[in-house]
Protein backbone atom coordinates (compact mmCIF):
# COMPACT_ATOMS: atom_id res chain seq x y z
CA MET A 1 -0.17 -0.02 -0.10
CA THR A 2 1.26 3.53 -0.70
CA ILE A 3 2.65 5.60 1.97
CA VAL A 4 2.94 9.23 1.96
CA LYS A 5 5.57 11.03 3.72
CA ILE A 6 5.28 14.77 4.30
CA ASN A 7 7.99 16.88 5.30
CA ALA A 8 6.93 20.22 7.17
CA ILE A 9 9.48 22.54 6.93
CA THR A 10 9.30 26.19 8.55
CA VAL A 11 10.98 28.74 6.41
CA PRO A 12 11.68 32.38 7.33
CA ALA A 13 10.19 35.18 5.64
CA GLY A 14 12.05 35.85 2.24
CA SER A 15 13.80 32.30 2.40
CA GLY A 16 11.17 30.46 0.43
CA ASP A 17 12.81 30.89 -2.91
CA GLU A 18 16.04 29.68 -1.71
CA LEU A 19 14.41 26.33 -0.67
CA ALA A 20 12.74 25.99 -3.70
CA ARG A 21 16.03 26.70 -5.75
CA ARG A 22 17.69 23.98 -3.70
CA PHE A 23 15.03 21.49 -4.30
CA ALA A 24 15.07 22.29 -7.73
CA ALA A 25 19.04 21.83 -7.83
CA ARG A 26 18.31 18.35 -6.79
CA ALA A 27 15.36 17.44 -8.72
CA GLY A 28 15.32 13.85 -9.62
CA ALA A 29 17.83 12.52 -7.26
CA VAL A 30 15.33 10.19 -5.62
CA ASP A 31 13.42 9.10 -8.88
CA ASP A 32 15.53 5.99 -9.43
CA GLN A 33 14.98 4.73 -5.74
CA ASP A 34 13.19 1.31 -5.15
CA GLY A 35 9.66 1.91 -4.37
CA PHE A 36 9.56 5.83 -5.01
CA GLU A 37 6.18 6.86 -6.60
CA GLY A 38 6.42 10.90 -6.47
CA PHE A 39 7.12 14.09 -5.25
CA GLU A 40 5.77 17.31 -4.99
CA LEU A 41 6.97 20.77 -3.35
CA LEU A 42 4.32 22.88 -1.94
CA ARG A 43 4.74 26.62 -1.57
CA PRO A 44 2.14 28.06 0.84
CA THR A 45 -0.09 30.63 -0.68
CA ASP A 46 -0.89 32.55 2.65
CA GLU A 47 1.34 33.91 5.09
CA ARG A 48 2.35 30.62 6.88
CA PRO A 49 5.83 29.94 6.91
CA THR A 50 5.43 26.28 6.53
CA TRP A 51 6.35 24.68 3.04
CA LEU A 52 5.54 20.83 2.32
CA VAL A 53 7.70 18.25 0.73
CA ILE A 54 5.39 15.49 -0.16
CA THR A 55 6.96 12.20 -1.19
CA ARG A 56 5.00 8.71 -2.28
CA TRP A 57 6.35 5.33 -1.61
CA ARG A 58 5.29 1.81 -2.42
CA ASP A 59 5.66 1.08 1.67
CA GLU A 60 7.40 2.00 4.58
CA GLU A 61 10.13 -0.37 3.87
CA SER A 62 11.00 1.58 0.52
CA PHE A 63 11.00 4.60 2.42
CA GLN A 64 13.23 3.35 5.19
CA ALA A 65 15.64 1.87 2.58
CA TRP A 66 16.17 5.29 0.97
CA VAL A 67 16.57 6.96 4.05
CA LYS A 68 19.47 4.54 5.37
CA SER A 69 20.79 4.77 1.76
CA PRO A 70 24.13 6.58 0.58
CA ALA A 71 21.68 8.50 -1.91
CA PHE A 72 19.63 9.96 0.89
CA ALA A 73 22.95 11.47 2.22
CA HIS A 74 24.42 12.36 -1.12
CA GLY A 75 20.87 14.00 -1.99
CA HIS A 76 20.69 16.01 1.19
CA ARG A 77 24.03 17.59 0.39
CA SER A 78 24.24 20.98 -1.21
CA ALA A 79 25.67 21.57 -4.54
CA ALA A 80 28.44 23.54 -2.79
CA GLU A 81 29.28 20.54 -0.47
CA ARG A 82 29.30 17.94 -3.36
CA ALA A 83 31.97 20.27 -5.14
CA GLY A 84 34.06 20.25 -1.90
CA GLU A 85 33.01 23.54 -0.57
CA GLY A 86 31.55 24.28 2.94
CA ALA A 87 27.95 23.73 3.41
CA PRO A 88 25.50 26.71 3.22
CA PRO A 89 23.39 27.93 6.14
CA PRO A 90 20.45 25.93 6.55
CA VAL A 91 17.06 27.50 5.02
CA GLY A 92 14.83 25.80 7.28
CA VAL A 93 14.45 26.59 10.65
CA HIS A 94 12.27 23.67 11.74
CA SER A 95 10.96 20.54 10.02
CA GLU A 96 9.03 17.39 10.91
CA VAL A 97 8.17 14.47 9.29
CA TRP A 98 4.33 13.31 8.98
CA SER A 99 3.19 9.82 7.64
CA TYR A 100 0.30 8.96 6.05
CA VAL A 101 -1.62 6.36 4.09
CA PRO A 102 -4.62 7.28 1.51
CA ALA A 103 -7.82 6.52 3.16
CA GLY A 104 -10.15 7.97 0.31
CA GLY A 105 -10.32 10.37 -2.57
CA SER A 106 -10.80 10.28 -6.13
CA ASP A 107 -8.94 10.13 -9.59
CA PRO A 108 -10.56 12.13 -12.23
CA ALA A 109 -8.23 11.13 -14.84
CA ARG A 110 -9.39 7.63 -14.71
CA PRO A 111 -12.21 6.39 -16.86
């Protein structure tokens, strides 16, 4: 069964574009992981400071295998760090990971 992981990241005012840029710089880094089904970065449309990183996985085991993999560590390093430079300061000031399974909904794309 699909599992949804949501990383809720609190971002200070004026830092959201940098968060989006950093995610864009590593787009596709998780796409080849076994059990990975999709990714979205959601920007708030109001004044709240929380951005959401939503990933879908085949199951909890697939997600945990990715978290424990070298690909996870590599993907969470900045481009500067991968080039041997120092790490930039973090954009987020707080984050927490939420875990859900689909419990209903609709798919208008299906006939």
